[in-house]
Amino acid sequence: MVCAHVTFGPPAIAVGLPSRAENALTVLSPAQTAIPETDSPLVLALPKGRILKAAAPLLHMAGIVPGPDFNDDKSRLLRFETNDPGIDVVRVRSFDVATFVAFGGAQIGICGADVLMEFDYPEIYAPLDLGIGGCRISIAQPKDRSGQEDNPNRLSQVRVATKYPSLTRRHFAARGINASIVHLHGAMELAPVLDLSHLIVDLVDTGSTLRANGLEETQTIAHITSRLIVNRTALKTRPERITAIINRFRAALAKEHKA
């Protein structure tokens, strides 16, 4: 514990007390995170949910088979050994895969292009489009607000609900529109209905959820698939091992396209 040294008589002087700046929470950037050069297994970060299901056949064709606990819904484990002693897999939220790889917690990952666009980490290299998890990022609004006064292309400012604040701001800024962001993590379709926002920016697959909630898709920002991503520093420090894994996925894709 740090204590203050105080003298009496003359004005009190505190010695060794941390300043406000020193007390402030320090947030590391990926560039500040060192990646040790070790012979430990490489870590492959996999996203939970639908992308993981779509990636399972590709993993198998690449010769990466996680242990039996991986497919056990009751298991609380998050890190799993595989049939390859040089590779472990971790199962994390899809939005966290890029962060794990950028900071070096995992050296390789499978990640949606939407997440890469949102975080735009320079520490990440995406050598392969895996062609799975196809969908799109779109703008949607209530069907009854399709008049000119609600056309975002004619506005200078608009309120948008989304889980992609950076991507959304960049998209509208490029069109001279100031986007005020309502940052949500789910139930995006409720935002216009409950007057939280004029528009939403969200992932769209079939569009059935939009239609069920009285919304219509008005513009596609980008078409999305999942990518194999690697940490650039890890690629430099462990090039042979990581390149070998990239090539296994490349061969699996070629085999899948021939089938």
Protein backbone atom coordinates (compact mmCIF):
# COMPACT_ATOMS: atom_id res chain seq x y z
CA MET A 1 0.00 0.00 0.00
CA VAL A 2 1.28 3.49 -0.89
CA CYS A 3 1.15 5.97 2.02
CA ALA A 4 1.42 9.74 2.08
CA HIS A 5 4.28 11.27 4.11
CA VAL A 6 2.99 14.42 5.82
CA THR A 7 4.93 17.05 7.82
CA PHE A 8 3.36 19.54 10.19
CA GLY A 9 3.99 23.28 10.42
CA PRO A 10 4.92 24.13 6.84
CA PRO A 11 2.45 23.24 4.09
CA ALA A 12 1.87 19.49 3.90
CA ILE A 13 3.72 17.66 1.19
CA ALA A 14 2.47 14.30 -0.14
CA VAL A 15 5.14 12.00 -1.50
CA GLY A 16 4.55 8.95 -3.70
CA LEU A 17 0.84 9.42 -4.30
CA PRO A 18 -0.25 8.40 -7.82
CA SER A 19 -1.70 11.14 -9.98
CA ARG A 20 -5.16 10.97 -11.53
CA ALA A 21 -3.59 10.02 -14.81
CA GLU A 22 -1.75 7.13 -13.14
CA ASN A 23 -5.00 6.03 -11.51
CA ALA A 24 -6.83 6.04 -14.83
CA LEU A 25 -7.65 2.73 -16.45
CA THR A 26 -5.04 1.84 -19.05
CA VAL A 27 -6.39 0.25 -22.22
CA LEU A 28 -3.79 -1.65 -24.22
CA SER A 29 -3.66 -1.58 -27.97
CA PRO A 30 -2.73 -4.74 -29.89
CA ALA A 31 0.63 -3.18 -30.81
CA GLN A 32 1.56 -3.06 -27.09
CA THR A 33 0.99 -6.78 -26.65
CA ALA A 34 4.05 -8.99 -27.03
CA ILE A 35 3.70 -12.43 -28.60
CA PRO A 36 6.24 -14.81 -27.06
CA GLU A 37 8.20 -17.14 -29.29
CA THR A 38 7.46 -20.56 -27.83
CA ASP A 39 6.98 -24.14 -28.92
CA SER A 40 3.56 -24.24 -27.29
CA PRO A 41 0.55 -25.20 -29.45
CA LEU A 42 -0.82 -22.58 -31.79
CA VAL A 43 -4.27 -21.38 -30.75
CA LEU A 44 -7.08 -21.29 -33.30
CA ALA A 45 -10.00 -19.06 -32.20
CA LEU A 46 -13.40 -20.26 -33.38
CA PRO A 47 -16.67 -18.32 -33.15
CA LYS A 48 -19.65 -19.76 -31.34
CA GLY A 49 -22.96 -20.19 -33.16
CA ARG A 50 -23.86 -20.60 -36.81
CA ILE A 51 -20.38 -19.88 -38.20
CA LEU A 52 -18.91 -22.65 -36.06
CA LYS A 53 -21.45 -25.11 -37.46
CA ALA A 54 -20.64 -24.01 -41.01
CA ALA A 55 -16.90 -24.26 -40.31
CA ALA A 56 -17.01 -27.80 -38.87
CA PRO A 57 -16.75 -29.65 -42.23
CA LEU A 58 -13.93 -27.35 -43.33
CA LEU A 59 -12.02 -27.98 -40.10
CA HIS A 60 -12.40 -31.71 -40.62
CA MET A 61 -11.11 -31.48 -44.20
CA ALA A 62 -8.17 -29.42 -42.93
CA GLY A 63 -7.36 -32.28 -40.54
CA ILE A 64 -8.22 -30.40 -37.34
CA VAL A 65 -10.48 -32.40 -35.04
CA PRO A 66 -11.16 -30.98 -31.55
CA GLY A 67 -11.48 -33.31 -28.57
CA PRO A 68 -14.86 -34.87 -27.68
CA ASP A 69 -15.70 -32.17 -25.11
CA PHE A 70 -15.78 -29.59 -27.90
CA ASN A 71 -19.17 -30.81 -29.13
CA ASP A 72 -20.58 -31.38 -25.65
CA ASP A 73 -23.10 -28.61 -24.95
CA LYS A 74 -22.78 -29.28 -21.21
CA SER A 75 -19.02 -28.76 -21.18
CA ARG A 76 -17.80 -25.55 -19.54
CA LEU A 77 -14.39 -25.75 -21.18
CA LEU A 78 -13.40 -23.00 -23.59
CA ARG A 79 -10.01 -24.32 -24.71
CA PHE A 80 -9.66 -27.75 -26.28
CA GLU A 81 -6.86 -29.96 -27.52
CA THR A 82 -7.14 -31.37 -31.03
CA ASN A 83 -5.87 -34.45 -32.85
CA ASP A 84 -2.88 -32.25 -33.83
CA PRO A 85 -0.62 -31.68 -30.79
CA GLY A 86 0.54 -28.42 -32.37
CA ILE A 87 -2.95 -26.86 -32.41
CA ASP A 88 -5.44 -26.03 -29.66
CA VAL A 89 -8.81 -24.42 -30.35
CA VAL A 90 -10.73 -21.91 -28.24
CA ARG A 91 -14.43 -21.16 -28.56
CA VAL A 92 -15.34 -17.48 -28.09
CA ARG A 93 -18.03 -14.99 -29.08
CA SER A 94 -17.91 -14.22 -32.79
CA PHE A 95 -17.31 -10.53 -32.07
CA ASP A 96 -14.27 -11.40 -29.92
CA VAL A 97 -12.36 -13.58 -32.38
CA ALA A 98 -10.62 -10.63 -34.05
CA THR A 99 -9.60 -9.17 -30.69
CA PHE A 100 -8.13 -12.48 -29.48
CA VAL A 101 -6.07 -12.72 -32.68
CA ALA A 102 -5.06 -9.03 -32.80
CA PHE A 103 -3.76 -9.13 -29.21
CA GLY A 104 -1.98 -12.45 -29.70
CA GLY A 105 -4.13 -14.56 -27.38
CA ALA A 106 -4.79 -16.70 -30.46
CA GLN A 107 -2.51 -16.81 -33.47
CA ILE A 108 -5.18 -17.89 -35.97
CA GLY A 109 -8.96 -17.50 -36.14
CA ILE A 110 -12.10 -17.78 -38.20
CA CYS A 111 -13.90 -14.47 -38.28
CA GLY A 112 -16.74 -12.78 -40.14
CA ALA A 113 -15.76 -9.94 -42.45
CA ASP A 114 -18.27 -7.76 -40.56
CA VAL A 115 -16.12 -8.00 -37.42
CA LEU A 116 -12.95 -7.22 -39.39
CA MET A 117 -14.64 -4.17 -40.92
CA GLU A 118 -15.82 -2.95 -37.53
CA PHE A 119 -12.49 -3.20 -35.68
CA ASP A 120 -10.11 -2.75 -38.63
CA TYR A 121 -7.12 -4.12 -36.70
CA PRO A 122 -3.88 -3.57 -38.65
CA GLU A 123 -2.36 -6.48 -36.70
CA ILE A 124 -4.60 -8.94 -38.56
CA TYR A 125 -3.89 -10.52 -41.93
CA ALA A 126 -6.77 -12.34 -43.66
CA PRO A 127 -5.28 -14.67 -46.29
CA LEU A 128 -8.35 -16.77 -47.10
CA ASP A 129 -12.03 -16.18 -47.77
CA LEU A 130 -13.62 -19.39 -46.48
CA GLY A 131 -16.92 -18.73 -48.23
CA ILE A 132 -19.02 -19.70 -45.19
CA GLY A 133 -21.45 -17.72 -43.04
CA GLY A 134 -22.70 -15.73 -46.01
CA CYS A 135 -24.97 -12.77 -45.22
CA ARG A 136 -24.90 -8.99 -45.63
CA ILE A 137 -24.72 -5.80 -43.57
CA SER A 138 -27.69 -3.66 -44.49
CA ILE A 139 -29.59 -0.53 -43.59
CA ALA A 140 -33.25 -1.01 -42.73
CA GLN A 141 -36.12 1.23 -41.69
CA PRO A 142 -39.86 0.91 -40.94
CA LYS A 143 -41.96 0.38 -44.06
CA ASP A 144 -44.22 3.30 -43.15
CA ARG A 145 -41.28 5.76 -43.16
CA SER A 146 -40.20 5.36 -46.75
CA GLY A 147 -41.05 8.95 -47.68
CA GLN A 148 -38.50 11.51 -48.81
CA GLU A 149 -38.18 13.07 -45.36
CA ASP A 150 -36.84 9.76 -44.03
CA ASN A 151 -34.55 8.94 -46.92
CA PRO A 152 -31.08 8.83 -45.30
CA ASN A 153 -29.44 9.98 -48.54
CA ARG A 154 -31.30 13.30 -48.21
CA LEU A 155 -30.48 13.93 -44.54
CA SER A 156 -27.48 15.64 -42.94
CA GLN A 157 -27.96 13.81 -39.65
CA VAL A 158 -29.61 10.52 -38.74
CA ARG A 159 -29.96 8.35 -35.62
CA VAL A 160 -28.98 4.73 -36.21
CA ALA A 161 -29.19 1.70 -33.94
CA THR A 162 -26.44 -0.86 -34.54
CA LYS A 163 -23.82 -3.11 -33.00
CA TYR A 164 -21.37 -1.78 -35.61
CA PRO A 165 -20.76 1.84 -34.50
CA SER A 166 -17.43 2.38 -36.29
CA LEU A 167 -18.52 0.78 -39.55
CA THR A 168 -21.81 2.70 -39.49
CA ARG A 169 -20.18 6.08 -38.81
CA ARG A 170 -17.71 5.53 -41.65
CA HIS A 171 -20.45 4.53 -44.08
CA PHE A 172 -22.61 7.59 -43.43
CA ALA A 173 -19.65 10.00 -43.09
CA ALA A 174 -18.52 9.01 -46.59
CA ARG A 175 -21.91 10.29 -47.77
CA GLY A 176 -21.74 13.54 -45.80
CA ILE A 177 -24.19 12.36 -43.13
CA ASN A 178 -23.55 12.62 -39.40
CA ALA A 179 -24.74 9.36 -37.82
CA SER A 180 -25.75 9.52 -34.17
CA ILE A 181 -25.27 5.97 -32.90
CA VAL A 182 -27.52 4.03 -30.53
CA HIS A 183 -25.20 1.13 -29.65
CA LEU A 184 -27.16 -2.07 -29.09
CA HIS A 185 -26.03 -5.70 -28.93
CA GLY A 186 -29.30 -7.31 -29.98
CA ALA A 187 -33.01 -6.84 -30.72
CA MET A 188 -32.04 -4.15 -33.22
CA GLU A 189 -35.42 -4.35 -34.95
CA LEU A 190 -37.12 -2.87 -31.88
CA ALA A 191 -35.19 0.41 -32.04
CA PRO A 192 -37.21 2.15 -34.82
CA VAL A 193 -40.47 0.68 -33.54
CA LEU A 194 -39.86 2.17 -30.09
CA ASP A 195 -38.47 5.46 -31.51
CA LEU A 196 -34.90 4.84 -30.34
CA SER A 197 -33.64 5.42 -33.88
CA HIS A 198 -34.71 6.22 -37.43
CA LEU A 199 -32.72 3.37 -38.98
CA ILE A 200 -30.82 0.23 -38.08
CA VAL A 201 -27.62 -1.24 -39.49
CA ASP A 202 -27.45 -4.98 -38.91
CA LEU A 203 -26.59 -8.38 -40.36
CA VAL A 204 -29.29 -9.70 -42.66
CA ASP A 205 -29.61 -13.27 -43.93
CA THR A 206 -33.12 -14.05 -45.19
CA GLY A 207 -34.69 -10.77 -44.03
CA SER A 208 -37.53 -12.61 -42.29
CA THR A 209 -36.87 -10.95 -38.90
CA LEU A 210 -36.99 -7.52 -40.54
CA ARG A 211 -40.30 -8.27 -42.24
CA ALA A 212 -41.81 -9.76 -39.09
CA ASN A 213 -41.11 -6.49 -37.28
CA GLY A 214 -42.37 -4.15 -39.99
CA LEU A 215 -38.97 -3.15 -41.39
CA GLU A 216 -37.63 -3.15 -44.91
CA GLU A 217 -34.07 -3.41 -46.16
CA THR A 218 -33.18 -0.20 -48.00
CA GLN A 219 -29.47 -0.55 -48.76
CA THR A 220 -26.74 -3.18 -48.61
CA ILE A 221 -23.49 -1.87 -47.17
CA ALA A 222 -21.42 -5.02 -47.74
CA HIS A 223 -21.73 -8.71 -48.47
CA ILE A 224 -20.18 -10.81 -45.72
CA THR A 225 -18.41 -14.16 -45.55
CA SER A 226 -16.03 -15.61 -42.94
CA ARG A 227 -12.27 -15.36 -43.31
CA LEU A 228 -9.26 -17.23 -41.98
CA ILE A 229 -7.24 -14.62 -40.07
CA VAL A 230 -3.75 -14.66 -38.55
CA ASN A 231 -1.76 -12.39 -36.28
CA ARG A 232 0.93 -10.65 -38.37
CA THR A 233 3.56 -10.83 -35.62
CA ALA A 234 2.93 -14.53 -35.07
CA LEU A 235 3.25 -15.08 -38.82
CA LYS A 236 6.72 -13.52 -38.66
CA THR A 237 7.86 -15.38 -35.55
CA ARG A 238 6.37 -18.79 -36.38
CA PRO A 239 6.09 -18.64 -40.17
CA GLU A 240 6.48 -22.34 -41.02
CA ARG A 241 3.82 -23.56 -38.59
CA ILE A 242 1.28 -20.89 -39.43
CA THR A 243 1.85 -21.10 -43.18
CA ALA A 244 1.35 -24.87 -42.97
CA ILE A 245 -2.06 -24.35 -41.35
CA ILE A 246 -3.05 -21.75 -43.96
CA ASN A 247 -2.11 -24.24 -46.67
CA ARG A 248 -4.21 -26.96 -45.01
CA PHE A 249 -7.25 -24.68 -45.16
CA ARG A 250 -6.42 -23.71 -48.72
CA ALA A 251 -6.28 -27.39 -49.69
CA ALA A 252 -9.56 -28.04 -47.87
CA LEU A 253 -11.24 -25.24 -49.83
CA ALA A 254 -9.92 -26.63 -53.10
CA LYS A 255 -11.19 -30.09 -52.17
CA GLU A 256 -14.60 -28.65 -51.25
CA HIS A 257 -14.91 -26.79 -54.56
CA LYS A 258 -14.14 -29.98 -56.49
CA ALA A 259 -16.77 -31.97 -54.61
